[in-house]
Amino acid sequence: MPAASIRLALLAVVLAVVSGCEREARRYQELPASANRETGVRVGALQPGTSQQQAEVKSPYQNNAWGMGEGKRLYAAYNCAPCHGVNGGGAIGPPLIDDKWIYGAGADQIYATISQGRPDGMPSFGGHITTQQIWQLVAYVQSMSGQVKATSAPSRNDDQMAALPESRQSKQVPVQTGHR
């Protein structure tokens, strides 16, 4: 009888461990860029009706390591490094790893910057890449300045180690500066 109770206890431990595991959601299928649906992101300052405080919009990949890893891959694939630096330290474009943000560091503000572009250099990617890819880029850009949990941030580049991996970046509290 003791062997049966040991098996039962072992089974209970295994079930407790398995039920405690949490898998992150991966959204593999999205609409193409030309069919982007409403994202909850305000694309302009003018809105009809009375002025209301907008709820904070978060990236669906803000705590998703796979999504941030995809954002990191897209950062290289869409050639962001020549302007923003290989590790986001800045070049002809502003750095993405500090606390000074011209157009805001909120997920919706970064989304709008990537989607619509900005004057004097930042091209518009809206209509060229999917909403999912923009959100993945948003999550990765936020991870570059330590705005995500370290357990979710992508780790290191094996090919280039010019800076600490995103999971070890110290958190920066972004401030909107207006101009650099």
Protein backbone atom coordinates (compact mmCIF):
# COMPACT_ATOMS: atom_id res chain seq x y z
CA MET A 1 0.00 0.00 0.00
CA PRO A 2 2.82 2.54 0.62
CA ALA A 3 3.97 2.22 -3.02
CA ALA A 4 0.49 3.21 -4.22
CA SER A 5 0.42 6.26 -1.97
CA ILE A 6 3.90 7.27 -3.18
CA ARG A 7 2.70 6.99 -6.78
CA LEU A 8 -0.39 9.02 -5.96
CA ALA A 9 1.71 11.71 -4.26
CA LEU A 10 4.13 11.76 -7.22
CA LEU A 11 1.22 12.08 -9.65
CA ALA A 12 -0.18 14.98 -7.60
CA VAL A 13 3.21 16.76 -7.68
CA VAL A 14 3.54 16.26 -11.45
CA LEU A 15 0.01 17.58 -12.03
CA ALA A 16 0.71 20.62 -9.85
CA VAL A 17 3.92 21.41 -11.76
CA VAL A 18 2.30 20.97 -15.17
CA SER A 19 -0.73 23.08 -14.27
CA GLY A 20 1.58 25.87 -13.02
CA CYS A 21 3.29 26.23 -16.40
CA GLU A 22 2.19 29.22 -18.40
CA ARG A 23 2.55 29.36 -22.18
CA GLU A 24 2.60 32.70 -23.87
CA ALA A 25 0.11 33.26 -26.65
CA ARG A 26 1.49 33.32 -30.17
CA ARG A 27 -0.60 34.83 -32.91
CA TYR A 28 0.63 33.28 -36.10
CA GLN A 29 -2.13 34.42 -38.45
CA GLU A 30 -2.85 38.12 -38.95
CA LEU A 31 -4.53 40.16 -41.63
CA PRO A 32 -2.27 41.57 -44.37
CA ALA A 33 -1.10 45.16 -44.04
CA SER A 34 -3.66 46.42 -46.54
CA ALA A 35 -6.50 45.07 -44.38
CA ASN A 36 -5.38 46.51 -41.04
CA ARG A 37 -8.31 46.80 -38.68
CA GLU A 38 -8.88 49.24 -35.85
CA THR A 39 -5.97 49.07 -33.44
CA GLY A 40 -7.17 51.40 -30.70
CA VAL A 41 -4.34 53.79 -31.53
CA ARG A 42 -5.22 57.43 -32.14
CA VAL A 43 -3.62 58.56 -35.36
CA GLY A 44 -4.18 62.25 -34.91
CA ALA A 45 -4.78 64.87 -32.25
CA LEU A 46 -8.15 65.97 -33.64
CA GLN A 47 -11.07 63.79 -32.61
CA PRO A 48 -14.81 64.53 -32.81
CA GLY A 49 -16.76 65.17 -29.61
CA THR A 50 -15.58 66.32 -26.23
CA SER A 51 -12.05 65.78 -25.03
CA GLN A 52 -11.71 62.59 -23.00
CA GLN A 53 -8.79 60.93 -21.25
CA GLN A 54 -7.76 57.96 -23.37
CA ALA A 55 -6.99 54.63 -21.72
CA GLU A 56 -3.39 53.48 -22.04
CA VAL A 57 -2.90 51.22 -25.05
CA LYS A 58 -0.42 48.38 -24.56
CA SER A 59 1.26 46.22 -27.15
CA PRO A 60 -0.16 42.70 -27.28
CA TYR A 61 3.48 41.56 -27.22
CA GLN A 62 4.62 43.68 -24.25
CA ASN A 63 5.14 40.59 -22.05
CA ASN A 64 5.73 38.09 -24.82
CA ALA A 65 9.32 36.98 -25.42
CA TRP A 66 8.50 35.42 -28.79
CA GLY A 67 6.84 38.63 -30.03
CA MET A 68 9.78 40.75 -28.88
CA GLY A 69 12.17 38.31 -30.52
CA GLU A 70 10.24 38.70 -33.75
CA GLY A 71 10.41 42.48 -33.30
CA LYS A 72 14.17 42.18 -32.91
CA ARG A 73 14.34 40.18 -36.13
CA LEU A 74 12.15 42.73 -37.93
CA TYR A 75 14.31 45.60 -36.61
CA ALA A 76 17.20 44.08 -38.57
CA ALA A 77 15.07 43.01 -41.55
CA TYR A 78 13.50 46.44 -42.06
CA ASN A 79 16.89 48.13 -41.83
CA CYS A 80 16.25 50.18 -38.68
CA ALA A 81 19.89 49.95 -37.51
CA PRO A 82 21.43 52.48 -39.96
CA CYS A 83 19.30 55.24 -38.41
CA HIS A 84 18.75 54.06 -34.83
CA GLY A 85 21.95 52.06 -34.31
CA VAL A 86 22.54 48.31 -34.15
CA ASN A 87 21.58 48.21 -30.48
CA GLY A 88 19.33 51.28 -30.55
CA GLY A 89 22.03 53.74 -29.48
CA GLY A 90 21.20 56.19 -32.24
CA ALA A 91 22.94 57.35 -35.39
CA ILE A 92 21.25 59.81 -37.76
CA GLY A 93 17.98 58.90 -36.02
CA PRO A 94 17.31 59.28 -32.30
CA PRO A 95 18.48 56.61 -29.85
CA LEU A 96 15.94 54.14 -28.55
CA ILE A 97 17.75 53.10 -25.37
CA ASP A 98 17.62 56.33 -23.35
CA ASP A 99 14.93 58.27 -21.50
CA LYS A 100 14.45 61.06 -24.06
CA TRP A 101 11.56 60.43 -26.47
CA ILE A 102 10.53 63.07 -29.00
CA TYR A 103 7.10 61.65 -29.86
CA GLY A 104 6.40 59.70 -26.64
CA ALA A 105 7.37 56.26 -25.33
CA GLY A 106 3.87 54.81 -24.90
CA ALA A 107 3.03 51.76 -26.98
CA ASP A 108 0.40 53.71 -28.93
CA GLN A 109 2.85 56.56 -29.57
CA ILE A 110 5.57 54.20 -30.83
CA TYR A 111 2.94 52.43 -32.96
CA ALA A 112 1.89 55.75 -34.50
CA THR A 113 5.54 56.66 -35.20
CA ILE A 114 6.22 53.37 -36.99
CA SER A 115 2.89 53.33 -38.80
CA GLN A 116 2.74 56.99 -39.90
CA GLY A 117 6.40 57.95 -39.91
CA ARG A 118 7.75 61.29 -38.72
CA PRO A 119 9.02 64.41 -40.50
CA ASP A 120 12.66 64.65 -41.51
CA GLY A 121 13.51 61.02 -41.93
CA MET A 122 11.30 58.37 -40.33
CA PRO A 123 9.45 56.59 -43.14
CA SER A 124 5.87 55.39 -42.80
CA PHE A 125 5.54 51.61 -42.57
CA GLY A 126 1.73 51.57 -42.27
CA GLY A 127 0.21 49.80 -45.24
CA HIS A 128 3.53 48.08 -45.99
CA ILE A 129 3.80 45.75 -43.00
CA THR A 130 1.12 44.04 -40.92
CA THR A 131 -0.35 45.35 -37.70
CA GLN A 132 1.17 42.32 -35.96
CA GLN A 133 4.65 43.25 -37.17
CA ILE A 134 4.23 46.85 -36.02
CA TRP A 135 3.20 45.65 -32.55
CA GLN A 136 6.19 43.29 -32.46
CA LEU A 137 8.48 46.20 -33.33
CA VAL A 138 6.80 48.31 -30.62
CA ALA A 139 7.45 45.61 -28.01
CA TYR A 140 11.09 45.28 -29.09
CA VAL A 141 11.66 49.06 -29.07
CA GLN A 142 10.21 49.21 -25.55
CA SER A 143 12.49 46.36 -24.47
CA MET A 144 15.53 48.30 -25.70
CA SER A 145 14.99 50.95 -23.00
CA GLY A 146 14.06 48.45 -20.31
CA GLN A 147 10.31 49.15 -20.33
CA VAL A 148 9.34 45.46 -20.22
CA LYS A 149 9.83 42.68 -17.69
CA ALA A 150 13.34 41.22 -17.85
CA THR A 151 11.86 37.73 -18.07
CA SER A 152 10.07 38.66 -21.30
CA ALA A 153 12.83 40.64 -23.03
CA PRO A 154 14.92 38.98 -25.73
CA SER A 155 18.35 37.99 -24.55
CA ARG A 156 21.55 38.54 -26.48
CA ASN A 157 22.76 38.69 -30.01
CA ASP A 158 25.29 36.00 -30.64
CA ASP A 159 26.70 37.87 -33.62
CA GLN A 160 27.22 41.30 -32.05
CA MET A 161 27.64 42.11 -28.38
CA ALA A 162 28.13 45.89 -28.47
CA ALA A 163 25.75 46.41 -25.55
CA LEU A 164 24.01 44.52 -22.78
CA PRO A 165 21.13 42.28 -23.90
CA GLU A 166 17.66 43.79 -23.60
CA SER A 167 16.84 41.56 -20.63
CA ARG A 168 19.69 43.20 -18.67
CA GLN A 169 19.11 46.86 -19.64
CA SER A 170 18.37 49.17 -16.74
CA LYS A 171 14.90 50.67 -16.85
CA GLN A 172 14.72 54.16 -18.31
CA VAL A 173 11.80 56.40 -17.43
CA PRO A 174 10.99 58.09 -20.75
CA VAL A 175 10.26 61.80 -20.86
CA GLN A 176 8.81 63.57 -23.86
CA THR A 177 11.30 66.20 -25.00
CA GLY A 178 9.74 67.65 -28.14
CA HIS A 179 13.00 68.16 -30.02
CA ARG A 180 16.56 66.90 -29.71
